[in-house]
Protein backbone atom coordinates (compact mmCIF):
# COMPACT_ATOMS: atom_id res chain seq x y z
CA MET A 1 81.62 147.86 60.93
CA ALA A 2 84.38 146.59 63.39
CA SER A 3 85.53 144.10 61.46
CA CYS A 4 85.85 147.03 58.67
CA LEU A 5 87.47 149.79 60.83
CA TRP A 6 89.89 147.49 62.63
CA PRO A 7 90.93 144.05 60.52
CA TRP A 8 93.60 143.81 62.43
CA ARG A 9 91.80 142.04 65.23
CA ARG A 10 90.63 139.27 62.81
CA CYS A 11 93.75 137.69 61.29
CA CYS A 12 95.07 134.46 63.58
CA SER A 13 98.67 134.84 64.14
CA TRP A 14 100.31 136.65 67.72
CA ARG A 15 101.18 139.67 65.79
CA PRO A 16 100.77 143.02 68.12
CA ALA A 17 97.90 145.28 66.97
CA ALA A 18 98.94 147.79 64.17
CA ARG A 19 100.43 150.81 64.85
CA SER A 20 101.28 149.53 67.89
CA PRO A 21 105.00 150.44 69.74
CA GLU A 22 107.71 147.81 69.95
CA PRO A 23 107.88 147.61 73.98
CA THR A 24 111.15 149.68 74.12
CA ALA A 25 109.78 152.23 72.15
CA PRO A 26 108.12 154.91 73.19
CA GLY A 27 104.21 155.05 72.43
CA ARG A 28 103.19 157.32 68.96
CA ALA A 29 101.03 160.14 68.80
CA GLY A 30 98.06 160.38 67.29
CA SER A 31 96.86 159.66 63.97
CA SER A 32 95.64 163.31 63.43
CA GLY A 33 99.58 163.98 63.29
CA THR A 34 99.61 166.87 65.72
CA ARG A 35 101.67 165.58 67.99
CA SER A 36 105.15 165.22 66.65
CA SER A 37 108.12 163.85 68.41
CA SER A 38 109.21 167.29 69.07
CA GLY A 39 106.12 169.02 70.61
CA ALA A 40 104.77 165.81 71.82
CA ARG A 41 104.01 166.03 75.64
CA THR A 42 105.92 164.01 78.26
CA LYS A 43 103.96 160.45 78.64
CA MET A 44 105.07 157.56 79.88
CA PRO A 45 105.91 154.34 76.72
CA TYR A 46 104.10 151.93 76.59
CA PHE A 47 106.69 148.81 77.74
CA ASN A 48 107.91 150.95 81.35
CA LEU A 49 103.85 151.56 81.93
CA MET A 50 103.23 147.79 81.18
CA GLU A 51 106.76 147.31 83.76
CA SER A 52 105.60 149.28 86.42
CA LEU A 53 102.48 147.46 86.51
CA THR A 54 104.40 144.40 86.92
CA SER A 55 105.81 145.68 89.85
CA SER A 56 103.28 147.22 91.15
CA PHE A 57 100.25 144.98 91.15
CA PRO A 58 102.24 141.16 90.27
CA ASN A 59 98.93 139.67 90.96
CA VAL A 60 96.64 140.67 88.63
CA CYS A 61 98.94 142.09 85.69
CA ARG A 62 101.10 139.39 86.43
CA ILE A 63 102.51 139.10 81.89
CA SER A 64 104.73 137.02 80.39
CA TRP A 65 106.40 139.28 77.56
CA PHE A 66 106.53 137.36 74.43
CA HIS A 67 108.70 138.44 71.61
CA HIS A 68 106.90 139.91 68.75
CA THR A 69 108.19 136.73 66.63
CA ALA A 70 106.49 133.97 69.03
CA PRO A 71 104.80 131.53 67.17
CA ALA A 72 100.89 131.93 65.74
CA VAL A 73 98.50 129.61 66.90
CA CYS A 74 95.40 129.75 64.60
CA CYS A 75 92.29 128.65 64.26
CA CYS A 76 92.22 124.79 62.53
CA SER A 77 90.01 122.15 62.48
CA LYS A 78 92.83 119.49 63.87
CA THR A 79 94.05 119.20 66.94
CA ARG A 80 97.89 118.86 68.00
CA SER A 81 96.43 115.59 69.55
CA GLY A 82 95.47 114.28 65.90
CA GLU A 83 92.11 114.46 66.96
CA LYS A 84 89.87 116.34 64.79
CA TYR A 85 86.86 118.67 65.49
CA THR A 86 85.10 121.08 64.42
CA ASP A 87 85.17 124.08 66.92
CA PRO A 88 85.36 124.41 70.75
CA PHE A 89 81.64 125.45 71.01
CA LYS A 90 80.26 122.30 69.53
CA LEU A 91 82.59 120.41 71.95
CA GLY A 92 81.20 121.64 74.81
CA TRP A 93 77.85 121.84 74.41
CA ARG A 94 78.01 118.18 74.39
CA ASP A 95 77.45 118.26 78.07
CA LEU A 96 75.40 121.30 77.81
CA LYS A 97 72.69 120.00 76.13
CA GLY A 98 69.47 121.08 78.49
CA LEU A 99 71.74 124.09 80.29
CA TYR A 100 68.97 127.01 80.73
CA GLU A 101 66.18 123.98 81.19
CA ASP A 102 68.42 122.44 84.46
CA ILE A 103 69.18 126.26 85.40
CA ARG A 104 64.92 126.88 85.48
CA LYS A 105 64.55 123.89 87.21
CA GLU A 106 66.96 124.75 89.85
CA LEU A 107 65.12 128.41 90.56
CA LEU A 108 61.95 126.24 91.98
CA ILE A 109 59.86 129.74 92.12
CA SER A 110 56.60 129.25 92.86
CA THR A 111 55.60 133.37 92.25
CA THR A 112 54.53 133.71 88.67
CA GLU A 113 56.05 137.38 88.39
CA LEU A 114 59.26 136.30 90.27
CA LYS A 115 59.95 133.54 88.00
CA GLU A 116 59.70 134.96 85.00
CA MET A 117 61.81 137.40 86.32
CA SER A 118 64.40 135.05 87.51
CA GLU A 119 64.40 133.51 84.00
CA TYR A 120 63.98 136.29 81.66
CA TYR A 121 68.41 135.95 80.97
CA PHE A 122 67.83 132.20 80.86
CA ASP A 123 66.41 132.10 77.57
CA GLY A 124 68.83 130.11 75.78
CA LYS A 125 70.48 133.37 73.76
CA GLY A 126 72.69 133.62 75.63
CA LYS A 127 77.11 132.92 74.19
CA ALA A 128 76.97 130.28 77.68
CA PHE A 129 80.80 131.00 77.11
CA ARG A 130 81.22 130.66 80.92
CA PRO A 131 80.12 127.18 81.14
CA ILE A 132 81.51 126.65 77.57
CA ILE A 133 85.25 126.81 79.35
CA VAL A 134 83.57 125.28 82.61
CA VAL A 135 83.13 121.48 80.82
CA LEU A 136 85.91 122.04 78.39
CA MET A 137 88.33 122.77 81.52
CA ALA A 138 86.40 119.51 83.26
CA ARG A 139 87.63 116.83 80.46
CA ALA A 140 91.34 118.29 79.89
CA CYS A 141 91.41 118.35 83.67
CA ASN A 142 90.50 114.94 83.70
CA ILE A 143 92.22 113.50 80.64
CA HIS A 144 95.24 114.96 82.05
CA HIS A 145 94.86 113.04 85.26
CA ASN A 146 93.81 109.41 84.46
CA ASN A 147 92.10 109.34 81.47
CA SER A 148 88.71 110.20 82.31
CA ARG A 149 87.07 111.37 78.79
CA ASP A 150 84.05 111.78 81.14
CA VAL A 151 82.62 114.85 82.76
CA GLN A 152 81.13 114.56 86.55
CA ALA A 153 77.89 115.54 87.18
CA SER A 154 79.35 117.85 90.12
CA GLN A 155 81.62 119.14 86.92
CA ARG A 156 78.47 119.93 85.11
CA SER A 157 77.21 121.49 87.84
CA ILE A 158 79.66 123.69 88.76
CA ALA A 159 78.82 125.05 84.45
CA LEU A 160 75.52 126.14 85.49
CA ILE A 161 76.47 127.81 89.03
CA ALA A 162 78.82 129.75 87.07
CA GLU A 163 76.06 130.79 84.40
CA MET A 164 73.73 131.96 86.85
CA ILE A 165 76.39 133.79 89.05
CA HIS A 166 77.32 135.07 86.05
CA THR A 167 73.57 136.13 85.49
CA ALA A 168 72.67 137.45 88.83
CA SER A 169 75.48 139.58 88.30
CA LEU A 170 74.15 140.90 84.75
CA VAL A 171 70.88 141.89 86.45
CA HIS A 172 72.01 143.29 89.60
CA ASP A 173 75.01 145.83 87.00
CA ASP A 174 71.91 146.92 85.09
CA VAL A 175 70.32 148.37 88.01
CA ILE A 176 73.74 150.19 89.58
CA ASP A 177 73.80 151.13 85.69
CA ASP A 178 70.64 152.04 84.97
CA ALA A 179 70.89 150.19 82.13
CA SER A 180 67.93 149.51 79.62
CA SER A 181 69.17 146.51 76.51
CA ARG A 182 70.88 143.99 77.82
CA ARG A 183 71.50 140.59 74.79
CA GLY A 184 69.29 142.58 72.57
CA LYS A 185 65.80 143.23 74.75
CA ARG A 186 64.66 145.45 77.53
CA THR A 187 66.51 144.63 80.85
CA VAL A 188 64.90 143.70 83.66
CA ASN A 189 65.03 146.78 85.79
CA LYS A 190 63.10 148.47 82.89
CA ILE A 191 61.01 146.30 82.85
CA TRP A 192 59.63 145.25 86.35
CA GLY A 193 61.73 147.92 88.64
CA GLU A 194 65.02 148.66 90.22
CA LYS A 195 64.36 147.47 93.30
CA LYS A 196 62.38 144.13 92.19
CA ALA A 197 65.12 143.17 89.99
CA VAL A 198 67.62 143.88 92.64
CA LEU A 199 65.95 140.91 94.65
CA ALA A 200 65.73 138.88 91.33
CA GLY A 201 69.07 138.57 91.32
CA ASP A 202 69.03 137.99 94.97
CA LEU A 203 67.25 134.78 94.23
CA ILE A 204 69.37 133.57 91.40
CA LEU A 205 72.51 134.01 94.01
CA SER A 206 70.13 132.10 96.71
CA ALA A 207 69.57 129.09 93.72
CA ALA A 208 73.05 129.20 92.59
CA SER A 209 74.70 128.54 96.76
CA ILE A 210 71.92 126.29 96.79
CA ALA A 211 72.94 123.92 94.30
CA LEU A 212 76.75 124.82 95.07
CA ALA A 213 76.57 123.21 98.47
CA ARG A 214 74.72 120.53 97.16
CA ILE A 215 78.04 119.39 95.61
CA GLY A 216 79.54 118.44 99.22
CA ASN A 217 82.93 119.73 98.57
CA THR A 218 84.02 122.10 101.32
CA THR A 219 87.26 123.06 98.85
CA VAL A 220 84.99 123.72 96.00
CA ILE A 221 82.90 125.68 98.10
CA SER A 222 84.98 128.13 99.62
CA ILE A 223 86.84 129.02 95.39
CA LEU A 224 83.53 129.94 94.44
CA THR A 225 82.07 131.87 97.11
CA GLN A 226 85.42 134.07 96.19
CA VAL A 227 83.94 134.71 93.27
CA ILE A 228 80.74 136.39 94.95
CA GLU A 229 83.32 138.76 97.08
CA ASP A 230 85.20 139.90 93.95
CA LEU A 231 82.03 140.94 92.28
CA VAL A 232 81.13 142.76 95.05
CA ARG A 233 85.11 144.40 95.61
CA GLY A 234 85.44 144.80 91.86
CA GLU A 235 82.20 147.04 91.80
CA PHE A 236 83.62 148.92 95.09
CA LEU A 237 86.66 149.45 92.80
CA GLN A 238 84.40 150.43 89.80
CA LEU A 239 83.08 152.97 91.86
CA GLY A 240 86.20 154.76 92.67
CA SER A 241 88.86 155.98 90.92
CA LYS A 242 92.61 157.17 91.20
CA GLU A 243 94.99 159.82 89.92
CA ASN A 244 98.35 158.41 89.38
CA GLU A 245 98.51 157.11 86.30
CA ASN A 246 100.34 153.90 87.08
CA GLU A 247 97.54 153.69 90.08
CA ARG A 248 94.55 153.98 87.80
CA PHE A 249 95.96 151.30 85.36
CA ALA A 250 96.07 148.74 88.34
CA HIS A 251 93.04 149.99 90.10
CA TYR A 252 91.61 148.98 86.33
CA LEU A 253 93.20 145.65 86.17
CA GLU A 254 92.17 144.87 89.05
CA LYS A 255 88.57 145.63 89.03
CA THR A 256 88.60 144.17 86.03
CA PHE A 257 90.36 141.16 87.44
CA LYS A 258 87.12 141.45 89.55
CA LYS A 259 83.93 141.95 88.22
CA THR A 260 85.21 140.07 85.10
CA ALA A 261 87.60 137.55 85.47
CA SER A 262 87.36 135.40 88.84
CA LEU A 263 84.46 133.67 88.38
CA ILE A 264 85.93 132.65 85.10
CA ALA A 265 89.35 131.41 86.98
CA ASN A 266 87.93 130.37 90.02
CA SER A 267 85.02 127.85 88.00
CA CYS A 268 88.24 126.79 86.20
CA LYS A 269 89.76 125.74 89.56
CA ALA A 270 86.58 124.04 90.98
CA VAL A 271 86.53 121.67 87.82
CA SER A 272 89.98 120.69 88.14
CA VAL A 273 90.32 120.37 92.17
CA LEU A 274 87.04 117.87 91.71
CA GLY A 275 88.44 115.97 89.07
CA CYS A 276 92.46 115.93 89.93
CA PRO A 277 94.55 115.94 93.24
CA ASP A 278 97.21 117.59 91.77
CA PRO A 279 98.08 120.79 92.94
CA VAL A 280 99.46 122.05 89.79
CA VAL A 281 97.03 121.25 87.51
CA HIS A 282 94.65 123.62 90.26
CA GLU A 283 97.33 126.59 89.31
CA ILE A 284 96.60 125.68 85.98
CA ALA A 285 93.25 125.69 85.37
CA TYR A 286 93.52 128.84 87.44
CA GLN A 287 95.79 130.79 85.57
CA TYR A 288 94.32 129.55 82.21
CA GLY A 289 90.59 130.80 83.74
CA LYS A 290 92.40 134.44 85.02
CA ASN A 291 94.60 135.82 81.49
CA VAL A 292 91.34 134.62 79.06
CA GLY A 293 88.84 135.96 81.99
CA ILE A 294 91.06 139.87 81.76
CA ALA A 295 91.64 139.66 77.73
CA PHE A 296 87.44 138.82 77.18
CA GLN A 297 87.19 142.21 79.43
CA LEU A 298 89.81 143.70 77.73
CA ILE A 299 88.46 142.95 74.22
CA ASP A 300 84.58 143.83 74.97
CA ASP A 301 86.70 147.34 76.70
CA VAL A 302 87.59 147.72 72.76
CA LEU A 303 84.27 147.22 71.15
CA ASP A 304 82.39 149.64 73.12
CA PHE A 305 84.51 151.72 71.06
CA THR A 306 84.66 149.32 67.13
CA SER A 307 81.25 147.83 67.47
CA CYS A 308 78.03 149.10 66.90
CA SER A 309 74.57 149.07 69.51
CA GLN A 310 73.43 146.30 66.96
CA GLN A 311 76.23 144.13 67.47
CA MET A 312 76.42 144.66 71.16
CA GLY A 313 72.66 144.12 71.87
CA LYS A 314 73.99 147.22 73.95
CA PRO A 315 74.27 150.82 73.08
CA THR A 316 78.26 151.71 72.75
CA SER A 317 80.26 153.66 74.53
CA ALA A 318 78.10 153.29 77.43
CA ASP A 319 81.65 152.80 79.96
CA LEU A 320 82.42 156.79 78.98
CA LYS A 321 78.37 157.18 79.75
CA LEU A 322 78.88 156.13 82.97
CA GLY A 323 81.37 157.77 83.51
CA LEU A 324 83.86 154.85 83.90
CA ALA A 325 87.65 154.84 81.63
CA THR A 326 88.69 152.05 80.31
CA GLY A 327 91.73 150.37 78.49
CA PRO A 328 91.45 152.33 75.78
CA VAL A 329 90.81 155.17 77.21
CA LEU A 330 93.77 155.03 80.14
CA PHE A 331 96.58 154.24 76.80
CA ALA A 332 95.12 157.19 75.11
CA CYS A 333 95.68 159.33 78.34
CA GLN A 334 99.29 159.03 77.42
CA GLN A 335 98.87 161.08 73.81
CA PHE A 336 96.00 162.83 75.22
CA PRO A 337 97.13 164.32 79.37
CA GLU A 338 93.98 166.46 78.75
CA MET A 339 91.71 163.57 79.32
CA ASN A 340 92.98 163.22 83.13
CA ALA A 341 90.78 166.27 83.93
CA MET A 342 87.80 164.30 82.26
CA ILE A 343 88.83 160.96 83.69
CA MET A 344 88.80 162.46 87.52
CA ARG A 345 85.43 164.51 86.82
CA ARG A 346 84.72 160.99 85.45
CA PHE A 347 82.88 162.65 82.25
CA SER A 348 80.42 164.75 83.91
CA LEU A 349 80.83 167.98 82.14
CA PRO A 350 78.76 167.98 78.43
CA GLY A 351 80.78 167.31 75.25
CA ASP A 352 82.76 165.33 77.74
CA VAL A 353 82.06 161.97 76.36
CA ASP A 354 82.29 162.91 72.77
CA ARG A 355 85.08 164.56 73.21
CA ALA A 356 86.75 161.43 75.24
CA ARG A 357 85.59 159.12 72.44
CA GLN A 358 87.15 161.54 69.46
CA TYR A 359 90.64 161.73 71.79
CA VAL A 360 90.22 158.06 71.92
CA LEU A 361 90.38 156.57 68.23
CA GLN A 362 92.77 159.14 67.08
CA SER A 363 94.89 157.68 69.32
CA ASP A 364 96.72 154.41 69.94
CA GLY A 365 94.37 153.00 72.75
CA VAL A 366 92.34 150.38 71.03
CA GLN A 367 95.09 149.26 69.28
CA GLN A 368 97.47 148.48 72.59
CA THR A 369 93.95 147.75 74.54
CA THR A 370 94.07 144.49 72.13
CA TYR A 371 97.83 143.58 72.09
CA LEU A 372 97.03 143.69 75.79
CA ALA A 373 95.01 141.06 76.03
CA GLN A 374 96.64 139.18 73.04
CA ARG A 375 99.44 139.34 76.40
CA TYR A 376 96.96 137.68 78.50
CA CYS A 377 95.95 135.16 75.65
CA HIS A 378 99.40 134.23 75.20
CA GLU A 379 99.42 133.55 79.04
CA ALA A 380 97.00 131.62 79.24
CA ILE A 381 98.09 129.56 76.21
CA ARG A 382 101.14 129.22 77.59
CA GLU A 383 99.84 127.74 81.05
CA ILE A 384 97.18 125.43 79.42
CA SER A 385 99.46 123.38 77.00
CA LYS A 386 100.89 122.11 80.07
CA LEU A 387 98.29 119.74 80.31
CA ARG A 388 98.57 116.55 78.42
CA PRO A 389 97.35 116.89 74.86
CA SER A 390 93.72 116.46 74.65
CA PRO A 391 90.54 117.88 72.14
CA GLU A 392 89.52 119.68 74.96
CA ARG A 393 93.28 121.32 75.63
CA ASP A 394 93.24 122.78 72.08
CA ALA A 395 89.62 123.76 72.17
CA LEU A 396 90.48 125.89 75.13
CA ILE A 397 94.13 127.20 73.20
CA GLN A 398 90.98 128.24 70.16
CA LEU A 399 88.91 129.56 72.68
CA SER A 400 91.76 132.09 73.36
CA GLU A 401 92.13 133.08 69.72
CA ILE A 402 88.18 133.32 69.35
CA VAL A 403 88.44 135.85 72.62
CA LEU A 404 90.60 137.82 70.56
CA THR A 405 88.71 138.11 67.65
CA ARG A 406 85.00 138.37 68.30
CA ASP A 407 82.79 141.43 67.02
CA LYS A 408 80.73 141.17 69.85
């Protein structure tokens, strides 16, 4: 359904989303046509909103404002370095064979029930998006540094650790959200109960920490333990809200970085540290991961409104039901200020969720959030393009495209 309703998300060009205003123009009224320019309520123009975000929250919302005529980056079968490959996932999986078997070996659990719970999501049916990025980044940095085409064992371990930390966070998130489905099946908390689910998540996290310590690099240990702190702080940010519109969007982006992008950014940085001594390369890897990670979550928030439950493997409109105001809601609020009251009460009154969803679909909220994700992907491409050309570098560029066009 999403691909029919939102065809603008499927194209390869980096044009702004359909109906998206030019950066200097104010946002438009909803598609219902009930808010003309003469009668529209006061709202902050899109460009002014984003400018205020970049100035008030530079560490997370640092976006290069590309012109709409920026060169397109399309999916293709031949890389800029001249070497052919099929797709980023196939290229990455050559270093990830046996990924889930190796993770299950790391868990080393003798208790049958705890073993079953801890291994529940390591069934090979996940996207493995994070491990793919990690090994591609490892190869890209190694090639850039000394033209080495091998992934070090320690770099591959970072890919496993990233997936373990991510999965542990999913188990804990499902407890907090009282979620009933994940990846198309029942959640750990619904099968075994909340208390046991928390302990299973803790166990996965402890196994990841042991694997991390085994690498023996104190810099890398410091980089990845920051991820765990960010996950906790991000969850606390999600529990709160801001009344001021600009603070609210900055709050949302900071939460997005800490809960989603920090893991990708710091995992990319960790493998760059292991493969290359140049701090400039470390920053390139970090910035690529940060920008792709934020874009990934922005599109995830869009799909909560445009995709169906079967595609997503979990219920849609879940964020509204949890009382969360994501990007599409915050952009829609500029056109429908009456949503402010609903946001502050976290959509807790009867009818709030349905009403808010309708406001979002009548507004430019989905398109503007997708456009913002495009901006972040542009920045990711700008960063990774600083590395020496290689199939892996170009695969990371293509992954940015995949982030924008995915439908689940």
